[in-house]
Amino acid sequence: MRRPFFTHSARRTMAATAAMAGTLLLAGCGSSDPTLYSLAPVAITQPAVTASQVPAVIEVRTPGVPSSLDRQTIVGVQDDYSVTPLAGAAWSEPLALMLGHVLSTDLQQRLPGRTVFAQNDATTVPAEGAVEVEITRFARDSAGLVHLAGSLSVHRVGDADHGLSVPLDLSASPTGTGTRAMVAALSQLTGQVADMAAERLQALPAAPAAHHS
């Protein structure tokens, strides 16, 4: 069988058409960027009062988050036997770091007169108290209820034996079915963790008196 004969001009036209098709294909692939979401601090509704025994400088340690949740793609549903990511939805920064920063901002509002910062923030002031959070659940369930579960502990730096710990098992009904409503509900639950941390920092035993020789 004889090969079809193409002129030099026809070959150039075919090559240009193929290149244009490839460019359009790549452009189509690049147009599906995910929507980025961020947790937001939740303001307190009542005036806060800080007890005198609360440490003057508090560090919120970077929360522990399991690898099943600490991913760019947001986990939409987390049930006993499955984790389902949300297509086209991603966190604007690593979840553990974002949780630490939002929690420290929430806690600062609840402890006026104290300095609160997230771990690895640029600061030269040594921390006197620490807040530690471990997250095991941070998503909807199959029925649509939003959950935040894990544990919370607070203690004076260098005195973990006299710290206070409590399990976390919080839930909320989002105002809608979309991702934005879920993230808003998770922000509200993070604010509740800050409420609990503030209460336990208020309840810490007084710092031992310094002994002078």
N, C-alpha and C. Protein backbone atom coordinates (compact mmCIF):
# COMPACT_ATOMS: atom_id res chain seq x y z
N MET A 1 0.85 -1.18 0.00
CA MET A 1 0.00 0.00 0.00
C MET A 1 0.89 1.24 0.00
N ARG A 2 0.56 2.18 -0.82
CA ARG A 2 1.34 3.42 -0.92
C ARG A 2 0.96 4.36 0.22
N ARG A 3 2.01 5.01 0.82
CA ARG A 3 1.77 5.99 1.87
C ARG A 3 1.16 7.24 1.27
N PRO A 4 0.22 7.90 2.01
CA PRO A 4 -0.31 9.17 1.49
C PRO A 4 0.79 10.21 1.47
N PHE A 5 0.78 11.05 0.47
CA PHE A 5 1.81 12.07 0.30
C PHE A 5 1.29 13.40 0.86
N PHE A 6 2.10 13.98 1.77
CA PHE A 6 1.76 15.29 2.34
C PHE A 6 2.84 16.28 1.96
N THR A 7 2.42 17.43 1.59
CA THR A 7 3.39 18.49 1.29
C THR A 7 4.00 19.00 2.58
N HIS A 8 5.10 19.75 2.46
CA HIS A 8 5.76 20.32 3.62
C HIS A 8 4.82 21.26 4.36
N SER A 9 4.00 22.00 3.64
CA SER A 9 3.07 22.92 4.26
C SER A 9 1.99 22.17 5.04
N ALA A 10 1.52 21.05 4.47
CA ALA A 10 0.50 20.26 5.15
C ALA A 10 1.03 19.66 6.44
N ARG A 11 2.31 19.21 6.38
CA ARG A 11 2.91 18.64 7.59
C ARG A 11 2.98 19.69 8.70
N ARG A 12 3.37 20.92 8.35
CA ARG A 12 3.47 21.99 9.35
C ARG A 12 2.10 22.30 9.95
N THR A 13 1.07 22.28 9.11
CA THR A 13 -0.28 22.55 9.60
C THR A 13 -0.74 21.47 10.57
N MET A 14 -0.44 20.19 10.25
CA MET A 14 -0.82 19.09 11.12
C MET A 14 -0.08 19.16 12.45
N ALA A 15 1.20 19.52 12.42
CA ALA A 15 1.99 19.63 13.65
C ALA A 15 1.46 20.74 14.53
N ALA A 16 1.09 21.86 13.92
CA ALA A 16 0.56 22.98 14.69
C ALA A 16 -0.77 22.62 15.33
N THR A 17 -1.60 21.88 14.58
CA THR A 17 -2.89 21.46 15.11
C THR A 17 -2.72 20.53 16.30
N ALA A 18 -1.76 19.58 16.19
CA ALA A 18 -1.51 18.65 17.28
C ALA A 18 -0.99 19.39 18.52
N ALA A 19 -0.10 20.37 18.33
CA ALA A 19 0.43 21.14 19.45
C ALA A 19 -0.66 21.93 20.14
N MET A 20 -1.56 22.51 19.33
CA MET A 20 -2.65 23.28 19.91
C MET A 20 -3.58 22.37 20.72
N ALA A 21 -3.84 21.18 20.22
CA ALA A 21 -4.70 20.24 20.93
C ALA A 21 -4.08 19.85 22.26
N GLY A 22 -2.74 19.64 22.25
CA GLY A 22 -2.06 19.31 23.50
C GLY A 22 -2.12 20.45 24.50
N THR A 23 -1.98 21.67 24.03
CA THR A 23 -2.05 22.84 24.91
C THR A 23 -3.42 22.97 25.53
N LEU A 24 -4.47 22.77 24.72
CA LEU A 24 -5.83 22.85 25.24
C LEU A 24 -6.09 21.76 26.27
N LEU A 25 -5.53 20.57 26.04
CA LEU A 25 -5.72 19.48 26.98
C LEU A 25 -5.07 19.80 28.32
N LEU A 26 -3.84 20.35 28.27
CA LEU A 26 -3.16 20.73 29.50
C LEU A 26 -3.89 21.85 30.21
N ALA A 27 -4.40 22.80 29.46
CA ALA A 27 -5.15 23.91 30.07
C ALA A 27 -6.39 23.40 30.76
N GLY A 28 -7.05 22.42 30.14
CA GLY A 28 -8.23 21.85 30.76
C GLY A 28 -7.90 21.14 32.05
N CYS A 29 -6.74 20.45 32.10
CA CYS A 29 -6.34 19.76 33.32
C CYS A 29 -5.99 20.76 34.41
N GLY A 30 -5.40 21.90 34.05
CA GLY A 30 -4.97 22.87 35.05
C GLY A 30 -6.08 23.75 35.56
N SER A 31 -7.27 23.67 34.97
CA SER A 31 -8.35 24.55 35.38
C SER A 31 -9.14 24.00 36.55
N SER A 32 -8.81 22.79 37.03
CA SER A 32 -9.57 22.17 38.11
C SER A 32 -8.86 22.33 39.45
N ASP A 33 -8.34 23.52 39.73
CA ASP A 33 -7.70 23.77 41.01
C ASP A 33 -8.73 23.65 42.12
N PRO A 34 -8.34 23.10 43.28
CA PRO A 34 -9.32 22.94 44.36
C PRO A 34 -9.65 24.27 45.02
N THR A 35 -10.79 24.34 45.65
CA THR A 35 -11.14 25.48 46.48
C THR A 35 -10.46 25.31 47.84
N LEU A 36 -9.79 26.37 48.30
CA LEU A 36 -9.05 26.30 49.56
C LEU A 36 -9.92 26.82 50.70
N TYR A 37 -9.86 26.13 51.84
CA TYR A 37 -10.65 26.49 53.01
C TYR A 37 -9.73 26.68 54.22
N SER A 38 -10.14 27.55 55.14
CA SER A 38 -9.38 27.82 56.35
C SER A 38 -10.31 27.81 57.56
N LEU A 39 -9.82 27.26 58.67
CA LEU A 39 -10.53 27.42 59.93
C LEU A 39 -10.43 28.88 60.35
N ALA A 40 -11.38 29.35 61.14
CA ALA A 40 -11.39 30.75 61.57
C ALA A 40 -11.58 30.82 63.09
N PRO A 41 -10.94 31.78 63.74
CA PRO A 41 -11.16 31.95 65.19
C PRO A 41 -12.61 32.28 65.49
N VAL A 42 -13.05 31.91 66.68
CA VAL A 42 -14.42 32.15 67.12
C VAL A 42 -14.38 33.08 68.33
N ALA A 43 -15.03 34.22 68.22
CA ALA A 43 -15.01 35.21 69.30
C ALA A 43 -15.83 34.72 70.49
N ILE A 44 -15.41 35.12 71.68
CA ILE A 44 -16.17 34.80 72.88
C ILE A 44 -17.37 35.74 72.97
N THR A 45 -18.40 35.30 73.64
CA THR A 45 -19.63 36.09 73.74
C THR A 45 -19.78 36.78 75.10
N GLN A 46 -18.93 36.40 76.09
CA GLN A 46 -19.00 37.00 77.41
C GLN A 46 -17.62 37.52 77.80
N PRO A 47 -17.57 38.57 78.63
CA PRO A 47 -16.26 39.08 79.07
C PRO A 47 -15.47 37.99 79.79
N ALA A 48 -14.18 37.92 79.48
CA ALA A 48 -13.32 36.90 80.08
C ALA A 48 -12.58 37.49 81.28
N VAL A 49 -12.40 36.68 82.30
CA VAL A 49 -11.64 37.07 83.48
C VAL A 49 -10.54 36.03 83.69
N THR A 50 -9.31 36.50 83.89
CA THR A 50 -8.18 35.59 84.03
C THR A 50 -7.74 35.51 85.48
N ALA A 51 -7.71 34.30 86.02
CA ALA A 51 -7.26 34.09 87.39
C ALA A 51 -5.77 34.35 87.52
N SER A 52 -5.36 34.70 88.72
CA SER A 52 -3.96 35.10 88.92
C SER A 52 -2.99 33.95 88.72
N GLN A 53 -3.44 32.70 88.95
CA GLN A 53 -2.51 31.58 88.83
C GLN A 53 -2.29 31.10 87.40
N VAL A 54 -3.00 31.69 86.44
CA VAL A 54 -2.80 31.29 85.04
C VAL A 54 -1.41 31.73 84.59
N PRO A 55 -0.64 30.83 83.96
CA PRO A 55 0.70 31.22 83.49
C PRO A 55 0.66 32.47 82.62
N ALA A 56 1.67 33.31 82.76
CA ALA A 56 1.69 34.58 82.04
C ALA A 56 1.93 34.40 80.55
N VAL A 57 2.67 33.37 80.18
CA VAL A 57 2.99 33.11 78.77
C VAL A 57 2.65 31.65 78.48
N ILE A 58 1.82 31.43 77.48
CA ILE A 58 1.30 30.08 77.20
C ILE A 58 1.62 29.71 75.76
N GLU A 59 2.15 28.51 75.59
CA GLU A 59 2.44 27.98 74.26
C GLU A 59 1.42 26.91 73.89
N VAL A 60 0.81 27.07 72.74
CA VAL A 60 -0.06 26.03 72.19
C VAL A 60 0.81 25.14 71.30
N ARG A 61 1.07 23.95 71.77
CA ARG A 61 1.89 23.02 71.00
C ARG A 61 1.15 22.62 69.72
N THR A 62 1.91 22.33 68.67
CA THR A 62 1.29 21.90 67.41
C THR A 62 0.47 20.64 67.65
N PRO A 63 -0.83 20.67 67.39
CA PRO A 63 -1.68 19.51 67.68
C PRO A 63 -1.22 18.26 66.94
N GLY A 64 -1.42 17.13 67.58
CA GLY A 64 -1.16 15.86 66.92
C GLY A 64 -2.37 15.48 66.08
N VAL A 65 -2.12 15.22 64.80
CA VAL A 65 -3.20 14.87 63.87
C VAL A 65 -2.78 13.61 63.11
N PRO A 66 -3.60 12.57 63.05
CA PRO A 66 -3.23 11.35 62.33
C PRO A 66 -3.08 11.62 60.84
N SER A 67 -2.25 10.83 60.20
CA SER A 67 -1.97 11.03 58.77
C SER A 67 -3.23 10.88 57.92
N SER A 68 -4.22 10.14 58.41
CA SER A 68 -5.47 9.99 57.64
C SER A 68 -6.22 11.31 57.53
N LEU A 69 -5.96 12.25 58.46
CA LEU A 69 -6.60 13.57 58.44
C LEU A 69 -5.66 14.67 58.00
N ASP A 70 -4.36 14.51 58.29
CA ASP A 70 -3.38 15.57 58.02
C ASP A 70 -2.94 15.50 56.57
N ARG A 71 -3.83 15.85 55.67
CA ARG A 71 -3.58 15.83 54.24
C ARG A 71 -4.15 17.11 53.65
N GLN A 72 -3.71 17.47 52.44
CA GLN A 72 -4.20 18.72 51.85
C GLN A 72 -5.68 18.62 51.52
N THR A 73 -6.09 17.50 50.95
CA THR A 73 -7.51 17.33 50.63
C THR A 73 -8.32 17.15 51.91
N ILE A 74 -9.38 17.91 52.05
CA ILE A 74 -10.19 17.87 53.26
C ILE A 74 -10.93 16.54 53.34
N VAL A 75 -10.92 15.94 54.53
CA VAL A 75 -11.71 14.73 54.75
C VAL A 75 -13.14 15.17 55.05
N GLY A 76 -14.06 14.73 54.21
CA GLY A 76 -15.44 15.14 54.36
C GLY A 76 -16.22 14.26 55.31
N VAL A 77 -15.99 12.94 55.23
CA VAL A 77 -16.70 11.99 56.09
C VAL A 77 -15.67 11.06 56.73
N GLN A 78 -15.78 10.90 58.04
CA GLN A 78 -14.90 10.01 58.79
C GLN A 78 -15.78 9.14 59.67
N ASP A 79 -15.92 7.88 59.27
CA ASP A 79 -16.70 6.93 60.04
C ASP A 79 -15.76 5.87 60.62
N ASP A 80 -16.35 4.88 61.26
CA ASP A 80 -15.54 3.87 61.95
C ASP A 80 -14.61 3.12 61.00
N TYR A 81 -15.04 2.88 59.78
CA TYR A 81 -14.26 2.03 58.88
C TYR A 81 -13.87 2.70 57.58
N SER A 82 -14.07 4.01 57.48
CA SER A 82 -13.73 4.67 56.22
C SER A 82 -13.42 6.14 56.44
N VAL A 83 -12.58 6.67 55.54
CA VAL A 83 -12.25 8.10 55.49
C VAL A 83 -12.46 8.53 54.05
N THR A 84 -13.34 9.52 53.83
CA THR A 84 -13.69 9.93 52.47
C THR A 84 -13.28 11.37 52.23
N PRO A 85 -12.25 11.62 51.38
CA PRO A 85 -11.85 13.00 51.07
C PRO A 85 -12.90 13.69 50.20
N LEU A 86 -12.89 15.01 50.24
CA LEU A 86 -13.79 15.82 49.44
C LEU A 86 -13.11 16.22 48.13
N ALA A 87 -13.68 15.83 47.03
CA ALA A 87 -13.11 16.19 45.73
C ALA A 87 -13.19 17.71 45.54
N GLY A 88 -12.07 18.30 45.13
CA GLY A 88 -12.05 19.73 44.82
C GLY A 88 -12.01 20.65 46.02
N ALA A 89 -11.72 20.12 47.22
CA ALA A 89 -11.65 20.95 48.44
C ALA A 89 -10.37 20.61 49.19
N ALA A 90 -9.60 21.65 49.54
CA ALA A 90 -8.32 21.44 50.21
C ALA A 90 -8.13 22.47 51.32
N TRP A 91 -7.33 22.12 52.32
CA TRP A 91 -6.97 23.07 53.36
C TRP A 91 -5.97 24.07 52.80
N SER A 92 -6.03 25.30 53.28
CA SER A 92 -5.13 26.34 52.79
C SER A 92 -3.72 26.21 53.33
N GLU A 93 -3.53 25.41 54.39
CA GLU A 93 -2.21 25.12 54.95
C GLU A 93 -2.32 23.78 55.68
N PRO A 94 -1.19 23.17 56.08
CA PRO A 94 -1.28 21.89 56.79
C PRO A 94 -2.22 21.99 57.99
N LEU A 95 -3.06 20.98 58.15
CA LEU A 95 -4.12 21.03 59.15
C LEU A 95 -3.58 21.20 60.56
N ALA A 96 -2.52 20.49 60.93
CA ALA A 96 -1.99 20.58 62.29
C ALA A 96 -1.51 22.00 62.60
N LEU A 97 -0.80 22.63 61.66
CA LEU A 97 -0.33 24.00 61.88
C LEU A 97 -1.50 24.98 61.96
N MET A 98 -2.48 24.81 61.09
CA MET A 98 -3.64 25.71 61.10
C MET A 98 -4.41 25.57 62.40
N LEU A 99 -4.60 24.37 62.88
CA LEU A 99 -5.29 24.16 64.15
C LEU A 99 -4.55 24.85 65.29
N GLY A 100 -3.22 24.74 65.30
CA GLY A 100 -2.44 25.36 66.36
C GLY A 100 -2.58 26.87 66.37
N HIS A 101 -2.55 27.49 65.18
CA HIS A 101 -2.66 28.95 65.11
C HIS A 101 -4.07 29.43 65.47
N VAL A 102 -5.09 28.74 64.99
CA VAL A 102 -6.46 29.15 65.31
C VAL A 102 -6.75 28.96 66.79
N LEU A 103 -6.29 27.84 67.34
CA LEU A 103 -6.50 27.58 68.76
C LEU A 103 -5.80 28.62 69.63
N SER A 104 -4.59 29.04 69.25
CA SER A 104 -3.88 30.06 70.03
C SER A 104 -4.58 31.41 69.95
N THR A 105 -5.14 31.74 68.78
CA THR A 105 -5.90 32.99 68.66
C THR A 105 -7.17 32.94 69.50
N ASP A 106 -7.87 31.81 69.45
CA ASP A 106 -9.06 31.64 70.28
C ASP A 106 -8.72 31.78 71.76
N LEU A 107 -7.63 31.14 72.17
CA LEU A 107 -7.26 31.14 73.58
C LEU A 107 -6.83 32.52 74.04
N GLN A 108 -6.17 33.27 73.18
CA GLN A 108 -5.75 34.62 73.54
C GLN A 108 -6.96 35.49 73.88
N GLN A 109 -8.05 35.33 73.14
CA GLN A 109 -9.27 36.09 73.42
C GLN A 109 -9.86 35.72 74.78
N ARG A 110 -9.67 34.48 75.19
CA ARG A 110 -10.28 33.99 76.42
C ARG A 110 -9.42 34.24 77.65
N LEU A 111 -8.17 34.65 77.43
CA LEU A 111 -7.25 34.90 78.54
C LEU A 111 -6.63 36.28 78.40
N PRO A 112 -7.42 37.33 78.58
CA PRO A 112 -6.86 38.68 78.45
C PRO A 112 -5.76 38.91 79.50
N GLY A 113 -4.74 39.65 79.09
CA GLY A 113 -3.63 39.92 80.00
C GLY A 113 -2.55 38.85 79.96
N ARG A 114 -2.79 37.78 79.22
CA ARG A 114 -1.77 36.74 79.07
C ARG A 114 -1.26 36.73 77.63
N THR A 115 -0.08 36.20 77.43
CA THR A 115 0.49 36.08 76.09
C THR A 115 0.35 34.63 75.63
N VAL A 116 -0.29 34.43 74.49
CA VAL A 116 -0.50 33.09 73.95
C VAL A 116 0.09 33.04 72.54
N PHE A 117 0.89 32.01 72.26
CA PHE A 117 1.46 31.86 70.92
C PHE A 117 1.48 30.40 70.53
N ALA A 118 1.51 30.16 69.23
CA ALA A 118 1.58 28.79 68.72
C ALA A 118 3.03 28.34 68.64
N GLN A 119 3.24 27.06 68.81
CA GLN A 119 4.58 26.50 68.74
C GLN A 119 5.25 26.88 67.42
N ASN A 120 6.52 27.21 67.50
CA ASN A 120 7.36 27.61 66.36
C ASN A 120 7.07 29.02 65.87
N ASP A 121 6.18 29.76 66.54
CA ASP A 121 6.05 31.18 66.22
C ASP A 121 7.32 31.90 66.65
N ALA A 122 7.65 32.97 65.94
CA ALA A 122 8.86 33.73 66.26
C ALA A 122 8.62 34.54 67.54
N THR A 123 9.18 34.08 68.63
CA THR A 123 9.07 34.77 69.90
C THR A 123 10.29 34.47 70.75
N THR A 124 10.70 35.44 71.56
CA THR A 124 11.86 35.25 72.42
C THR A 124 11.44 35.08 73.88
N VAL A 125 10.13 35.11 74.14
CA VAL A 125 9.64 34.99 75.51
C VAL A 125 9.44 33.52 75.85
N PRO A 126 10.06 33.01 76.89
CA PRO A 126 9.89 31.59 77.23
C PRO A 126 8.50 31.31 77.78
N ALA A 127 7.94 30.19 77.36
CA ALA A 127 6.60 29.81 77.81
C ALA A 127 6.64 29.33 79.25
N GLU A 128 5.57 29.65 79.99
CA GLU A 128 5.41 29.18 81.36
C GLU A 128 4.32 28.10 81.45
N GLY A 129 3.43 28.08 80.47
CA GLY A 129 2.38 27.07 80.43
C GLY A 129 2.27 26.48 79.04
N ALA A 130 1.70 25.29 78.95
CA ALA A 130 1.59 24.61 77.65
C ALA A 130 0.20 24.00 77.50
N VAL A 131 -0.30 24.07 76.26
CA VAL A 131 -1.57 23.44 75.89
C VAL A 131 -1.27 22.42 74.81
N GLU A 132 -1.69 21.19 75.02
CA GLU A 132 -1.43 20.12 74.07
C GLU A 132 -2.75 19.46 73.67
N VAL A 133 -2.92 19.25 72.37
CA VAL A 133 -4.15 18.66 71.84
C VAL A 133 -3.79 17.51 70.91
N GLU A 134 -4.47 16.42 71.06
CA GLU A 134 -4.37 15.29 70.13
C GLU A 134 -5.73 15.12 69.46
N ILE A 135 -5.74 15.07 68.14
CA ILE A 135 -6.98 14.96 67.37
C ILE A 135 -7.09 13.55 66.80
N THR A 136 -8.24 12.93 66.97
CA THR A 136 -8.50 11.63 66.36
C THR A 136 -9.65 11.67 65.35
N ARG A 137 -10.51 12.69 65.49
CA ARG A 137 -11.66 12.81 64.59
C ARG A 137 -11.90 14.28 64.30
N PHE A 138 -12.08 14.61 63.01
CA PHE A 138 -12.22 16.02 62.62
C PHE A 138 -12.93 16.07 61.28
N ALA A 139 -14.21 15.69 61.27
CA ALA A 139 -14.97 15.63 60.01
C ALA A 139 -16.42 15.32 60.33
N ARG A 140 -17.22 15.19 59.28
CA ARG A 140 -18.61 14.75 59.43
C ARG A 140 -18.67 13.24 59.62
N ASP A 141 -19.83 12.79 60.14
CA ASP A 141 -20.14 11.38 60.06
C ASP A 141 -21.12 11.16 58.91
N SER A 142 -21.52 9.94 58.69
CA SER A 142 -22.38 9.64 57.54
C SER A 142 -23.76 10.27 57.67
N ALA A 143 -24.16 10.68 58.89
CA ALA A 143 -25.45 11.32 59.09
C ALA A 143 -25.37 12.84 58.93
N GLY A 144 -24.15 13.40 58.77
CA GLY A 144 -24.00 14.83 58.56
C GLY A 144 -23.58 15.62 59.79
N LEU A 145 -23.47 14.96 60.95
CA LEU A 145 -23.04 15.64 62.17
C LEU A 145 -21.52 15.81 62.15
N VAL A 146 -21.03 16.97 62.58
CA VAL A 146 -19.60 17.26 62.57
C VAL A 146 -19.01 16.93 63.94
N HIS A 147 -17.83 16.28 63.94
CA HIS A 147 -17.21 15.82 65.18
C HIS A 147 -15.78 16.34 65.32
N LEU A 148 -15.40 16.64 66.56
CA LEU A 148 -14.01 16.86 66.94
C LEU A 148 -13.76 16.00 68.17
N ALA A 149 -12.85 15.03 68.02
CA ALA A 149 -12.57 14.11 69.13
C ALA A 149 -11.06 14.00 69.32
N GLY A 150 -10.67 13.62 70.53
CA GLY A 150 -9.26 13.47 70.84
C GLY A 150 -9.03 13.69 72.32
N SER A 151 -8.01 14.49 72.67
CA SER A 151 -7.71 14.76 74.07
C SER A 151 -7.06 16.13 74.19
N LEU A 152 -7.20 16.72 75.39
CA LEU A 152 -6.65 18.03 75.70
C LEU A 152 -5.92 17.94 77.03
N SER A 153 -4.75 18.54 77.12
CA SER A 153 -4.04 18.61 78.39
C SER A 153 -3.35 19.97 78.50
N VAL A 154 -3.30 20.49 79.73
CA VAL A 154 -2.61 21.74 80.02
C VAL A 154 -1.70 21.52 81.22
N HIS A 155 -0.58 22.20 81.25
CA HIS A 155 0.33 22.06 82.39
C HIS A 155 1.32 23.23 82.39
N ARG A 156 1.95 23.43 83.52
CA ARG A 156 3.04 24.39 83.58
C ARG A 156 4.29 23.76 82.95
N VAL A 157 5.06 24.55 82.26
CA VAL A 157 6.28 24.04 81.63
C VAL A 157 7.21 23.52 82.73
N GLY A 158 7.67 22.29 82.56
CA GLY A 158 8.53 21.66 83.54
C GLY A 158 7.80 20.99 84.67
N ASP A 159 6.46 20.97 84.64
CA ASP A 159 5.68 20.36 85.71
C ASP A 159 4.49 19.62 85.11
N ALA A 160 4.76 18.71 84.19
CA ALA A 160 3.68 17.97 83.53
C ALA A 160 2.95 17.05 84.50
N ASP A 161 3.58 16.67 85.61
CA ASP A 161 2.94 15.75 86.56
C ASP A 161 1.71 16.37 87.21
N HIS A 162 1.65 17.70 87.27
CA HIS A 162 0.51 18.36 87.89
C HIS A 162 -0.40 19.01 86.84
N GLY A 163 -0.36 18.49 85.64
CA GLY A 163 -1.22 19.02 84.58
C GLY A 163 -2.63 18.49 84.69
N LEU A 164 -3.50 19.04 83.86
CA LEU A 164 -4.90 18.63 83.83
C LEU A 164 -5.24 18.16 82.42
N SER A 165 -5.88 16.99 82.33
CA SER A 165 -6.21 16.40 81.03
C SER A 165 -7.69 16.06 80.97
N VAL A 166 -8.21 16.05 79.75
CA VAL A 166 -9.62 15.72 79.55
C VAL A 166 -9.80 15.18 78.14
N PRO A 167 -10.65 14.18 77.96
CA PRO A 167 -10.94 13.72 76.60
C PRO A 167 -11.81 14.72 75.86
N LEU A 168 -11.69 14.74 74.55
CA LEU A 168 -12.50 15.60 73.70
C LEU A 168 -13.48 14.74 72.91
N ASP A 169 -14.75 15.07 73.00
CA ASP A 169 -15.78 14.38 72.23
C ASP A 169 -16.88 15.39 71.94
N LEU A 170 -16.60 16.29 70.99
CA LEU A 170 -17.49 17.40 70.68
C LEU A 170 -18.18 17.17 69.34
N SER A 171 -19.38 17.69 69.22
CA SER A 171 -20.11 17.55 67.95
C SER A 171 -20.99 18.78 67.74
N ALA A 172 -21.33 19.03 66.49
CA ALA A 172 -22.17 20.17 66.14
C ALA A 172 -22.93 19.85 64.86
N SER A 173 -24.10 20.47 64.73
CA SER A 173 -24.88 20.35 63.50
C SER A 173 -24.57 21.54 62.61
N PRO A 174 -23.98 21.32 61.44
CA PRO A 174 -23.67 22.44 60.55
C PRO A 174 -24.93 23.10 60.03
N THR A 175 -24.80 24.35 59.60
CA THR A 175 -25.96 25.10 59.11
C THR A 175 -26.32 24.75 57.68
N GLY A 176 -25.51 23.94 57.01
CA GLY A 176 -25.79 23.54 55.64
C GLY A 176 -25.08 22.24 55.33
N THR A 177 -25.19 21.81 54.08
CA THR A 177 -24.58 20.54 53.67
C THR A 177 -23.26 20.72 52.97
N GLY A 178 -22.87 21.95 52.65
CA GLY A 178 -21.66 22.18 51.89
C GLY A 178 -20.40 22.16 52.74
N THR A 179 -19.25 22.23 52.05
CA THR A 179 -17.95 22.21 52.73
C THR A 179 -17.77 23.43 53.62
N ARG A 180 -18.20 24.60 53.16
CA ARG A 180 -18.05 25.82 53.97
C ARG A 180 -18.78 25.67 55.31
N ALA A 181 -19.97 25.09 55.30
CA ALA A 181 -20.71 24.89 56.54
C ALA A 181 -19.99 23.92 57.47
N MET A 182 -19.38 22.89 56.90
CA MET A 182 -18.64 21.94 57.72
C MET A 182 -17.43 22.61 58.36
N VAL A 183 -16.69 23.40 57.59
CA VAL A 183 -15.51 24.09 58.11
C VAL A 183 -15.91 25.09 59.19
N ALA A 184 -17.04 25.77 59.00
CA ALA A 184 -17.54 26.70 60.02
C ALA A 184 -17.86 25.96 61.32
N ALA A 185 -18.47 24.78 61.20
CA ALA A 185 -18.79 23.99 62.39
C ALA A 185 -17.52 23.50 63.07
N LEU A 186 -16.52 23.09 62.30
CA LEU A 186 -15.25 22.67 62.89
C LEU A 186 -14.56 23.85 63.59
N SER A 187 -14.71 25.05 63.06
CA SER A 187 -14.17 26.24 63.71
C SER A 187 -14.86 26.47 65.05
N GLN A 188 -16.18 26.29 65.09
CA GLN A 188 -16.91 26.44 66.34
C GLN A 188 -16.44 25.42 67.38
N LEU A 189 -16.21 24.20 66.95
CA LEU A 189 -15.74 23.17 67.87
C LEU A 189 -14.33 23.47 68.36
N THR A 190 -13.48 24.01 67.49
CA THR A 190 -12.13 24.41 67.91
C THR A 190 -12.22 25.51 68.97
N GLY A 191 -13.17 26.43 68.81
CA GLY A 191 -13.40 27.45 69.83
C GLY A 191 -13.81 26.83 71.16
N GLN A 192 -14.60 25.75 71.12
CA GLN A 192 -14.98 25.07 72.35
C GLN A 192 -13.77 24.43 73.03
N VAL A 193 -12.83 23.93 72.23
CA VAL A 193 -11.59 23.40 72.81
C VAL A 193 -10.83 24.51 73.52
N ALA A 194 -10.81 25.70 72.93
CA ALA A 194 -10.16 26.85 73.58
C ALA A 194 -10.87 27.19 74.89
N ASP A 195 -12.21 27.12 74.91
CA ASP A 195 -12.95 27.35 76.15
C ASP A 195 -12.50 26.36 77.24
N MET A 196 -12.39 25.10 76.87
CA MET A 196 -12.00 24.07 77.82
C MET A 196 -10.56 24.27 78.29
N ALA A 197 -9.68 24.67 77.37
CA ALA A 197 -8.28 24.91 77.74
C ALA A 197 -8.19 26.07 78.72
N ALA A 198 -8.96 27.14 78.46
CA ALA A 198 -8.94 28.30 79.35
C ALA A 198 -9.42 27.92 80.75
N GLU A 199 -10.48 27.11 80.82
CA GLU A 199 -11.00 26.69 82.12
C GLU A 199 -9.96 25.88 82.90
N ARG A 200 -9.25 25.02 82.21
CA ARG A 200 -8.27 24.19 82.90
C ARG A 200 -7.00 24.96 83.27
N LEU A 201 -6.63 25.93 82.47
CA LEU A 201 -5.51 26.79 82.85
C LEU A 201 -5.87 27.60 84.09
N GLN A 202 -7.14 28.00 84.21
CA GLN A 202 -7.59 28.72 85.40
C GLN A 202 -7.54 27.82 86.64
N ALA A 203 -7.67 26.51 86.42
CA ALA A 203 -7.74 25.57 87.54
C ALA A 203 -6.39 24.94 87.90
N LEU A 204 -5.33 25.32 87.20
CA LEU A 204 -4.02 24.75 87.51
C LEU A 204 -3.60 25.11 88.94
N PRO A 205 -2.92 24.20 89.61
CA PRO A 205 -2.38 24.54 90.94
C PRO A 205 -1.42 25.73 90.82
N ALA A 206 -1.36 26.53 91.86
CA ALA A 206 -0.45 27.66 91.85
C ALA A 206 0.98 27.20 91.67
N ALA A 207 1.77 28.01 91.01
CA ALA A 207 3.18 27.68 90.81
C ALA A 207 3.89 27.64 92.15
N PRO A 208 4.79 26.67 92.32
CA PRO A 208 5.51 26.60 93.61
C PRO A 208 6.34 27.87 93.83
N ALA A 209 6.39 28.32 95.06
CA ALA A 209 7.15 29.51 95.39
C ALA A 209 8.63 29.25 95.19
N ALA A 210 9.31 30.25 94.64
CA ALA A 210 10.75 30.12 94.41
C ALA A 210 11.49 30.20 95.73
N HIS A 211 12.49 29.33 95.87
CA HIS A 211 13.29 29.29 97.11
C HIS A 211 14.56 30.11 96.89
N HIS A 212 14.84 31.02 97.79
CA HIS A 212 16.04 31.86 97.69
C HIS A 212 17.03 31.41 98.75
N SER A 213 18.24 31.21 98.35
CA SER A 213 19.26 30.81 99.28
C SER A 213 19.89 32.01 99.97
